């Protein structure tokens, strides 16, 4: 009897020192996957999670249950709930969607997710832990939008958002230097003057060698960029896109294009908010087997390319060079960069290019529109191959 009591006492003491949990459910559905656990083991700093959801007990319990499965393997994960109706200033500062979002913070960076699942949460953590240097290089010297510009036309605020995501932003002039070899993404942001032949040669060589490019164009782009268009197999339609449906959103300027729906693409698959594009150009894709082309942004039917003066009462002229909607104002291009015989584990298997017929949507003036910032960040993330995921 004394030995039995001693054993029971020892087991009781051990239970205060050690914790053991087992998941006997079908498929271990209450335990995170091996991939998620390995990622948590690599994260040395605390993780702070803030759920911006209303006072809904069912939703909050679901979030607690999911985060709890992570806290079993990483104790320094904290969870906080905030009712978005009671914190409007913080909601505006973080750009939280009206339906609520979960904000994950690690070190000095943060990510937002709207879908509650292990896959979305783990992949958000994965993006936050990326420590290798990723350089986003902006071209200058031709009146482009400045990556550090604080004017309405500039991209200063967008560049700061990129840096908050752990990206490095740099500007170069092709007359003075070559494109750095560690460039993850080159940005050509609405040039106003033509490039010199030598500069165009450097840009085309960069594309030929498999470099990733974001080209923000404008209606009536300056001459001299035709070699780049031909290399990518695209053509800009003349005129400015006008959209008659913008009045439904209280926008009187017909040159503002509102995008409300998105195709199934890695860039836009989680986009739920509208994006606004002031004074956009429409694109057309030439028949080319070199690139795989995917539509990214398309206008609604009641739109067209206006080639005349945009003042007073305007309408579509079928006898002119004008083209009726829907129209593509953004496309994504991809192609393989390595052959099967040369493929290895270190090679990036795909070259990526995005061309958008408007650069205003990322400018300081219009970046605050509902989905503009999220779309811009998604584009940069995809182009710089920062969209790798852990399969759950």
Protein backbone atom coordinates (compact mmCIF):
# COMPACT_ATOMS: atom_id res chain seq x y z
CA UNK A 1 0.00 0.00 0.00
CA UNK A 2 2.81 2.37 0.88
CA UNK A 3 4.56 1.61 -2.44
CA UNK A 4 1.31 2.22 -4.36
CA UNK A 5 0.79 5.57 -2.63
CA UNK A 6 4.38 6.54 -3.40
CA UNK A 7 3.95 5.70 -7.10
CA UNK A 8 0.74 7.72 -7.30
CA UNK A 9 2.47 10.65 -5.60
CA UNK A 10 5.41 10.44 -7.99
CA UNK A 11 3.06 10.40 -11.03
CA UNK A 12 1.19 13.41 -9.64
CA UNK A 13 4.47 15.32 -9.23
CA UNK A 14 5.63 14.37 -12.74
CA UNK A 15 2.35 15.65 -14.19
CA UNK A 16 3.20 19.12 -12.88
CA UNK A 17 6.61 19.05 -14.55
CA UNK A 18 5.84 17.53 -17.96
CA UNK A 19 2.96 17.75 -20.40
CA UNK A 20 1.99 15.06 -22.87
CA UNK A 21 -0.81 15.39 -25.41
CA UNK A 22 -2.02 12.91 -27.99
CA UNK A 23 -4.40 13.45 -30.89
CA UNK A 24 -6.48 10.33 -31.52
CA UNK A 25 -8.90 11.96 -33.97
CA UNK A 26 -9.21 10.69 -37.54
CA UNK A 27 -6.32 12.03 -39.59
CA UNK A 28 -5.01 13.88 -36.48
CA UNK A 29 -7.17 16.83 -37.49
CA UNK A 30 -6.52 18.67 -34.22
CA UNK A 31 -2.74 18.72 -34.72
CA UNK A 32 -0.77 20.89 -37.14
CA UNK A 33 1.25 19.20 -39.87
CA UNK A 34 4.95 18.36 -39.79
CA UNK A 35 5.66 21.25 -42.17
CA UNK A 36 4.05 23.76 -39.81
CA UNK A 37 5.94 22.33 -36.81
CA UNK A 38 9.28 22.50 -38.62
CA UNK A 39 8.63 26.13 -39.48
CA UNK A 40 7.79 26.98 -35.85
CA UNK A 41 11.04 25.34 -34.73
CA UNK A 42 12.95 27.77 -36.97
CA UNK A 43 11.22 30.86 -35.57
CA UNK A 44 13.32 32.14 -32.65
CA UNK A 45 11.38 35.34 -31.95
CA UNK A 46 7.84 35.73 -30.51
CA UNK A 47 4.82 35.83 -32.81
CA UNK A 48 1.98 38.26 -32.12
CA UNK A 49 -1.40 37.56 -33.69
CA UNK A 50 -4.22 40.09 -33.66
CA UNK A 51 -7.66 39.01 -34.84
CA UNK A 52 -9.84 41.92 -35.96
CA UNK A 53 -13.25 40.25 -35.63
CA UNK A 54 -16.54 41.33 -34.08
CA UNK A 55 -18.02 39.92 -30.87
CA UNK A 56 -18.94 36.59 -32.44
CA UNK A 57 -18.31 33.75 -29.99
CA UNK A 58 -18.34 31.03 -32.67
CA UNK A 59 -15.79 32.80 -34.89
CA UNK A 60 -13.53 33.73 -31.99
CA UNK A 61 -13.57 30.16 -30.65
CA UNK A 62 -12.58 28.84 -34.09
CA UNK A 63 -9.62 31.24 -34.14
CA UNK A 64 -8.64 30.26 -30.58
CA UNK A 65 -8.74 26.58 -31.50
CA UNK A 66 -6.54 27.07 -34.58
CA UNK A 67 -3.99 29.29 -32.82
CA UNK A 68 -4.00 26.88 -29.88
CA UNK A 69 -2.70 24.08 -32.11
CA UNK A 70 0.31 26.31 -32.90
CA UNK A 71 0.82 27.42 -29.29
CA UNK A 72 1.36 23.77 -28.27
CA UNK A 73 4.60 23.80 -30.27
CA UNK A 74 5.60 27.47 -29.77
CA UNK A 75 4.69 28.98 -26.42
CA UNK A 76 5.55 32.58 -27.30
CA UNK A 77 2.65 32.95 -29.76
CA UNK A 78 0.20 35.51 -28.37
CA UNK A 79 -3.38 36.08 -29.50
CA UNK A 80 -5.40 39.28 -29.13
CA UNK A 81 -8.95 40.05 -30.27
CA UNK A 82 -10.04 43.52 -31.34
CA UNK A 83 -13.53 44.50 -32.40
CA UNK A 84 -13.00 46.50 -35.65
CA UNK A 85 -16.07 48.64 -34.89
CA UNK A 86 -14.34 49.97 -31.76
CA UNK A 87 -10.96 50.75 -33.35
CA UNK A 88 -11.66 52.64 -36.63
CA UNK A 89 -8.33 54.53 -36.64
CA UNK A 90 -6.28 51.35 -36.27
CA UNK A 91 -8.38 49.68 -38.95
CA UNK A 92 -7.62 52.51 -41.39
CA UNK A 93 -3.91 52.50 -40.46
CA UNK A 94 -3.53 48.77 -41.17
CA UNK A 95 -5.93 48.69 -44.13
CA UNK A 96 -8.11 45.99 -42.54
CA UNK A 97 -10.93 44.69 -44.76
CA UNK A 98 -14.47 45.45 -43.64
CA UNK A 99 -15.19 41.77 -43.02
CA UNK A 100 -12.27 41.43 -40.61
CA UNK A 101 -8.74 40.05 -40.92
CA UNK A 102 -6.02 38.37 -38.88
CA UNK A 103 -2.71 40.25 -38.59
CA UNK A 104 0.42 38.21 -37.84
CA UNK A 105 3.52 40.08 -36.62
CA UNK A 106 7.04 38.67 -36.48
CA UNK A 107 10.04 40.88 -35.74
CA UNK A 108 9.37 44.15 -37.60
CA UNK A 109 7.12 42.75 -40.34
CA UNK A 110 3.48 41.77 -40.57
CA UNK A 111 1.16 39.79 -42.83
CA UNK A 112 -2.63 39.73 -43.12
CA UNK A 113 -4.91 36.77 -43.86
CA UNK A 114 -8.66 36.58 -44.32
CA UNK A 115 -9.12 32.82 -44.65
CA UNK A 116 -8.96 30.83 -41.40
CA UNK A 117 -6.94 27.69 -42.11
CA UNK A 118 -3.62 26.08 -41.25
CA UNK A 119 -2.38 26.48 -44.82
CA UNK A 120 -2.99 30.24 -44.94
CA UNK A 121 -1.59 30.84 -41.45
CA UNK A 122 1.54 28.72 -41.98
CA UNK A 123 2.33 30.31 -45.32
CA UNK A 124 1.92 33.78 -43.82
CA UNK A 125 4.47 32.78 -41.17
CA UNK A 126 6.73 31.41 -43.91
CA UNK A 127 6.73 34.74 -45.74
CA UNK A 128 7.54 36.56 -42.49
CA UNK A 129 10.59 34.39 -41.83
CA UNK A 130 12.21 34.99 -45.21
CA UNK A 131 15.54 36.57 -44.26
CA UNK A 132 17.51 36.36 -47.51
CA UNK A 133 18.00 39.63 -49.35
CA UNK A 134 15.49 40.42 -52.04
CA UNK A 135 16.24 43.52 -54.12
CA UNK A 136 13.53 45.46 -55.94
CA UNK A 137 15.26 47.80 -58.41
CA UNK A 138 13.51 50.85 -59.92
CA UNK A 139 14.82 52.36 -63.16
CA UNK A 140 15.36 56.13 -63.26
CA UNK A 141 16.50 58.78 -65.74
CA UNK A 142 13.42 59.01 -67.97
CA UNK A 143 10.90 60.80 -65.77
CA UNK A 144 9.77 57.57 -64.08
CA UNK A 145 7.79 57.58 -60.86
CA UNK A 146 10.35 57.87 -58.08
CA UNK A 147 10.56 55.03 -55.57
CA UNK A 148 11.28 57.62 -52.88
CA UNK A 149 9.05 60.37 -54.23
CA UNK A 150 6.73 62.14 -51.80
CA UNK A 151 4.72 63.99 -54.47
CA UNK A 152 1.30 62.81 -55.61
CA UNK A 153 2.98 61.20 -58.62
CA UNK A 154 5.63 59.34 -56.59
CA UNK A 155 5.79 55.82 -55.18
CA UNK A 156 7.30 56.68 -51.82
CA UNK A 157 4.53 55.20 -49.70
CA UNK A 158 4.46 52.00 -51.73
CA UNK A 159 8.24 51.63 -51.40
CA UNK A 160 7.98 51.98 -47.63
CA UNK A 161 5.37 49.21 -47.59
CA UNK A 162 7.78 47.00 -49.53
CA UNK A 163 10.51 47.68 -47.00
CA UNK A 164 8.11 46.81 -44.16
CA UNK A 165 7.69 43.45 -45.87
CA UNK A 166 11.44 42.85 -45.64
CA UNK A 167 12.26 43.85 -49.24
CA UNK A 168 15.16 46.08 -50.24
CA UNK A 169 14.39 48.97 -52.61
CA UNK A 170 17.04 50.54 -54.84
CA UNK A 171 17.04 52.94 -57.82
CA UNK A 172 19.51 52.84 -60.71
CA UNK A 173 20.18 54.78 -63.90
CA UNK A 174 21.18 52.54 -66.81
CA UNK A 175 23.40 55.27 -68.25
CA UNK A 176 25.57 55.12 -65.13
CA UNK A 177 25.44 51.44 -64.15
CA UNK A 178 24.48 47.92 -65.06
CA UNK A 179 21.47 46.08 -63.64
CA UNK A 180 22.75 44.42 -60.42
CA UNK A 181 23.14 40.65 -60.64
CA UNK A 182 21.19 40.14 -57.39
CA UNK A 183 18.09 41.90 -58.71
CA UNK A 184 14.96 39.91 -57.90
CA UNK A 185 12.63 42.31 -59.69
CA UNK A 186 13.15 45.26 -62.03
CA UNK A 187 10.46 47.96 -62.08
CA UNK A 188 9.87 50.25 -65.05
CA UNK A 189 7.44 52.80 -63.61
CA UNK A 190 5.80 55.02 -66.24
CA UNK A 191 8.80 56.49 -68.13
CA UNK A 192 8.08 59.85 -69.77
CA UNK A 193 10.94 59.95 -72.28
CA UNK A 194 12.52 57.40 -74.60
CA UNK A 195 15.46 55.27 -73.57
CA UNK A 196 18.80 55.50 -75.30
CA UNK A 197 19.68 52.51 -77.51
CA UNK A 198 22.33 51.38 -75.03
CA UNK A 199 19.86 51.50 -72.14
CA UNK A 200 17.27 49.55 -74.10
CA UNK A 201 19.95 46.99 -74.93
CA UNK A 202 20.70 46.47 -71.22
CA UNK A 203 16.99 46.11 -70.43
CA UNK A 204 16.42 43.61 -73.22
CA UNK A 205 19.49 41.63 -72.17
CA UNK A 206 18.10 41.47 -68.64
CA UNK A 207 14.82 40.06 -69.99
CA UNK A 208 16.61 37.66 -72.30
CA UNK A 209 18.58 36.23 -69.38
CA UNK A 210 15.40 35.47 -67.42
CA UNK A 211 14.96 38.59 -65.28
CA UNK A 212 11.58 39.42 -63.74
CA UNK A 213 9.93 42.71 -64.72
CA UNK A 214 7.06 44.94 -63.59
CA UNK A 215 6.17 47.43 -66.32
CA UNK A 216 3.78 50.21 -65.32
CA UNK A 217 2.77 51.94 -68.55
CA UNK A 218 0.45 54.86 -69.34
CA UNK A 219 -1.80 55.87 -72.25
CA UNK A 220 0.22 57.23 -75.17
CA UNK A 221 3.54 55.97 -73.79
CA UNK A 222 6.60 57.72 -75.21
CA UNK A 223 8.20 56.27 -78.34
CA UNK A 224 11.30 54.14 -78.03
CA UNK A 225 9.79 51.35 -75.93
CA UNK A 226 8.64 49.34 -78.96
CA UNK A 227 11.60 46.90 -78.76
CA UNK A 228 10.54 45.94 -75.25
CA UNK A 229 6.90 45.51 -76.34
CA UNK A 230 7.97 43.29 -79.22
CA UNK A 231 10.20 41.22 -76.94
CA UNK A 232 7.25 40.59 -74.61
CA UNK A 233 4.79 40.06 -77.46
CA UNK A 234 2.35 42.81 -76.41
CA UNK A 235 0.77 45.86 -78.01
CA UNK A 236 -0.77 48.95 -76.40
CA UNK A 237 -4.08 50.07 -77.90
CA UNK A 238 -4.30 53.79 -78.72
CA UNK A 239 -6.37 56.03 -76.48
CA UNK A 240 -7.40 56.05 -72.84
CA UNK A 241 -9.79 53.54 -71.32
CA UNK A 242 -13.06 55.09 -70.16
CA UNK A 243 -15.57 53.22 -68.01
CA UNK A 244 -19.22 54.25 -67.92
CA UNK A 245 -19.92 52.11 -64.84
CA UNK A 246 -17.75 54.23 -62.54
CA UNK A 247 -20.70 56.55 -61.88
CA UNK A 248 -22.28 53.68 -59.92
CA UNK A 249 -19.41 54.08 -57.45
CA UNK A 250 -19.82 57.86 -57.22
CA UNK A 251 -16.86 58.59 -59.54
CA UNK A 252 -17.62 61.31 -62.09
CA UNK A 253 -14.32 61.09 -63.97
CA UNK A 254 -14.87 58.58 -66.83
CA UNK A 255 -11.13 57.84 -67.13
CA UNK A 256 -11.18 56.04 -63.77
CA UNK A 257 -11.43 52.26 -64.24
CA UNK A 258 -12.87 50.22 -61.37
CA UNK A 259 -12.02 46.51 -61.23
CA UNK A 260 -14.49 44.45 -59.18
CA UNK A 261 -13.65 40.87 -60.21
CA UNK A 262 -10.41 38.99 -60.70
CA UNK A 263 -9.36 35.80 -62.54
CA UNK A 264 -8.01 32.71 -60.80
CA UNK A 265 -4.36 33.64 -60.57
CA UNK A 266 -1.78 33.42 -57.79
CA UNK A 267 -1.68 37.23 -57.67
CA UNK A 268 -5.41 37.82 -57.33
CA UNK A 269 -6.91 34.60 -55.95
CA UNK A 270 -7.52 36.18 -52.52
CA UNK A 271 -8.49 39.65 -53.78
CA UNK A 272 -11.99 40.59 -52.63
CA UNK A 273 -11.87 44.40 -52.68
CA UNK A 274 -12.18 46.75 -55.66
CA UNK A 275 -9.16 48.43 -57.22
CA UNK A 276 -9.11 51.81 -58.97
CA UNK A 277 -6.98 52.72 -62.00
CA UNK A 278 -6.96 56.38 -63.15
CA UNK A 279 -6.21 56.90 -66.86
CA UNK A 280 -5.28 53.40 -67.98
CA UNK A 281 -4.16 51.99 -71.32
CA UNK A 282 -5.52 48.74 -72.76
CA UNK A 283 -3.24 45.89 -73.84
CA UNK A 284 -3.34 43.35 -76.59
CA UNK A 285 -1.24 40.18 -76.78
CA UNK A 286 0.45 39.23 -80.04
CA UNK A 287 0.54 35.62 -81.19
CA UNK A 288 3.73 34.37 -79.62
CA UNK A 289 4.76 30.93 -78.43
CA UNK A 290 7.58 32.35 -76.30
CA UNK A 291 5.37 33.41 -73.39
CA UNK A 292 2.44 31.96 -71.46
CA UNK A 293 -0.03 34.81 -71.02
CA UNK A 294 -2.68 35.11 -68.30
CA UNK A 295 -5.19 38.00 -68.01
CA UNK A 296 -4.87 39.80 -64.71
CA UNK A 297 -7.07 42.91 -64.85
CA UNK A 298 -10.06 43.34 -67.18
CA UNK A 299 -12.59 46.15 -67.43
CA UNK A 300 -16.36 45.69 -67.50
CA UNK A 301 -18.38 45.62 -70.71
CA UNK A 302 -19.44 49.29 -70.64
CA UNK A 303 -15.92 50.55 -71.35
CA UNK A 304 -13.91 51.46 -74.42
CA UNK A 305 -10.68 53.08 -75.55
CA UNK A 306 -11.39 56.78 -76.17
CA UNK A 307 -9.05 58.24 -78.78
CA UNK A 308 -10.58 61.72 -78.84
CA UNK A 309 -10.68 64.54 -76.32
CA UNK A 310 -12.18 63.45 -73.00
CA UNK A 311 -14.42 66.39 -72.21
CA UNK A 312 -18.11 67.05 -72.31
CA UNK A 313 -20.28 64.15 -73.44
CA UNK A 314 -18.31 61.25 -74.94
CA UNK A 315 -19.43 57.97 -76.49
CA UNK A 316 -18.00 54.93 -78.23
CA UNK A 317 -17.29 55.41 -81.96
CA UNK A 318 -17.28 52.06 -83.74
CA UNK A 319 -15.99 53.67 -86.97
CA UNK A 320 -12.81 54.93 -85.32
CA UNK A 321 -9.82 53.05 -83.88
CA UNK A 322 -11.66 52.75 -80.59
CA UNK A 323 -12.10 49.30 -79.05
CA UNK A 324 -15.11 48.25 -76.97
CA UNK A 325 -14.79 46.44 -73.64
CA UNK A 326 -14.15 44.29 -71.82
CA UNK A 327 -10.49 45.27 -72.15
CA UNK A 328 -7.32 43.93 -70.58
CA UNK A 329 -5.38 46.57 -68.67
CA UNK A 330 -3.10 44.09 -66.89
CA UNK A 331 -1.51 40.80 -67.93
CA UNK A 332 0.96 38.31 -66.45
CA UNK A 333 3.54 36.54 -68.61
CA UNK A 334 5.64 33.51 -67.74
CA UNK A 335 8.10 31.24 -69.50
CA UNK A 336 10.53 28.50 -68.51
CA UNK A 337 14.09 29.65 -67.91
CA UNK A 338 15.85 26.27 -67.74
CA UNK A 339 15.69 23.16 -69.87
CA UNK A 340 15.02 19.74 -68.43
CA UNK A 341 18.67 18.76 -68.98
CA UNK A 342 19.97 21.84 -67.14
CA UNK A 343 17.45 21.80 -64.32
CA UNK A 344 18.83 21.72 -60.77
CA UNK A 345 17.62 22.50 -57.26
CA UNK A 346 19.02 26.05 -57.24
CA UNK A 347 17.57 27.21 -60.57
CA UNK A 348 14.48 29.42 -60.68
CA UNK A 349 12.31 27.50 -63.14
CA UNK A 350 10.11 30.36 -64.29
CA UNK A 351 10.57 33.90 -65.54
CA UNK A 352 7.76 36.29 -64.64
CA UNK A 353 6.62 39.61 -66.10
CA UNK A 354 3.59 41.77 -65.29
CA UNK A 355 2.51 44.63 -67.55
CA UNK A 356 -0.17 47.08 -66.37
CA UNK A 357 -1.43 49.99 -68.42
CA UNK A 358 -1.46 52.36 -65.44
CA UNK A 359 1.01 53.40 -62.77
CA UNK A 360 -1.23 55.83 -60.88
CA UNK A 361 -2.86 53.07 -58.84
CA UNK A 362 0.36 52.65 -56.81
CA UNK A 363 1.11 56.36 -56.50
CA UNK A 364 0.88 58.21 -53.20
CA UNK A 365 -2.43 59.73 -54.27
CA UNK A 366 -4.32 56.53 -55.06
CA UNK A 367 -2.57 53.87 -52.96
CA UNK A 368 -5.19 54.32 -50.23
CA UNK A 369 -8.04 53.06 -52.42
CA UNK A 370 -9.50 49.80 -51.03
CA UNK A 371 -7.51 47.11 -52.86
CA UNK A 372 -4.69 49.01 -54.58
CA UNK A 373 -2.01 48.36 -51.94
CA UNK A 374 -2.87 44.67 -51.57
CA UNK A 375 -2.79 44.18 -55.34
CA UNK A 376 0.57 45.96 -55.63
CA UNK A 377 2.11 43.86 -52.85
CA UNK A 378 0.73 40.65 -54.37
CA UNK A 379 2.22 41.55 -57.75
CA UNK A 380 5.68 42.25 -56.29
CA UNK A 381 5.54 39.11 -54.14
CA UNK A 382 4.67 36.93 -57.14
CA UNK A 383 7.22 38.53 -59.45
CA UNK A 384 10.04 38.14 -56.92
CA UNK A 385 9.14 34.44 -56.43
CA UNK A 386 8.06 35.03 -52.86
CA UNK A 387 4.92 32.97 -53.30
CA UNK A 388 6.38 29.60 -52.28
CA UNK A 389 3.99 27.69 -50.05
CA UNK A 390 4.05 24.79 -47.62
CA UNK A 391 1.56 22.20 -48.82
CA UNK A 392 -0.78 21.23 -45.97
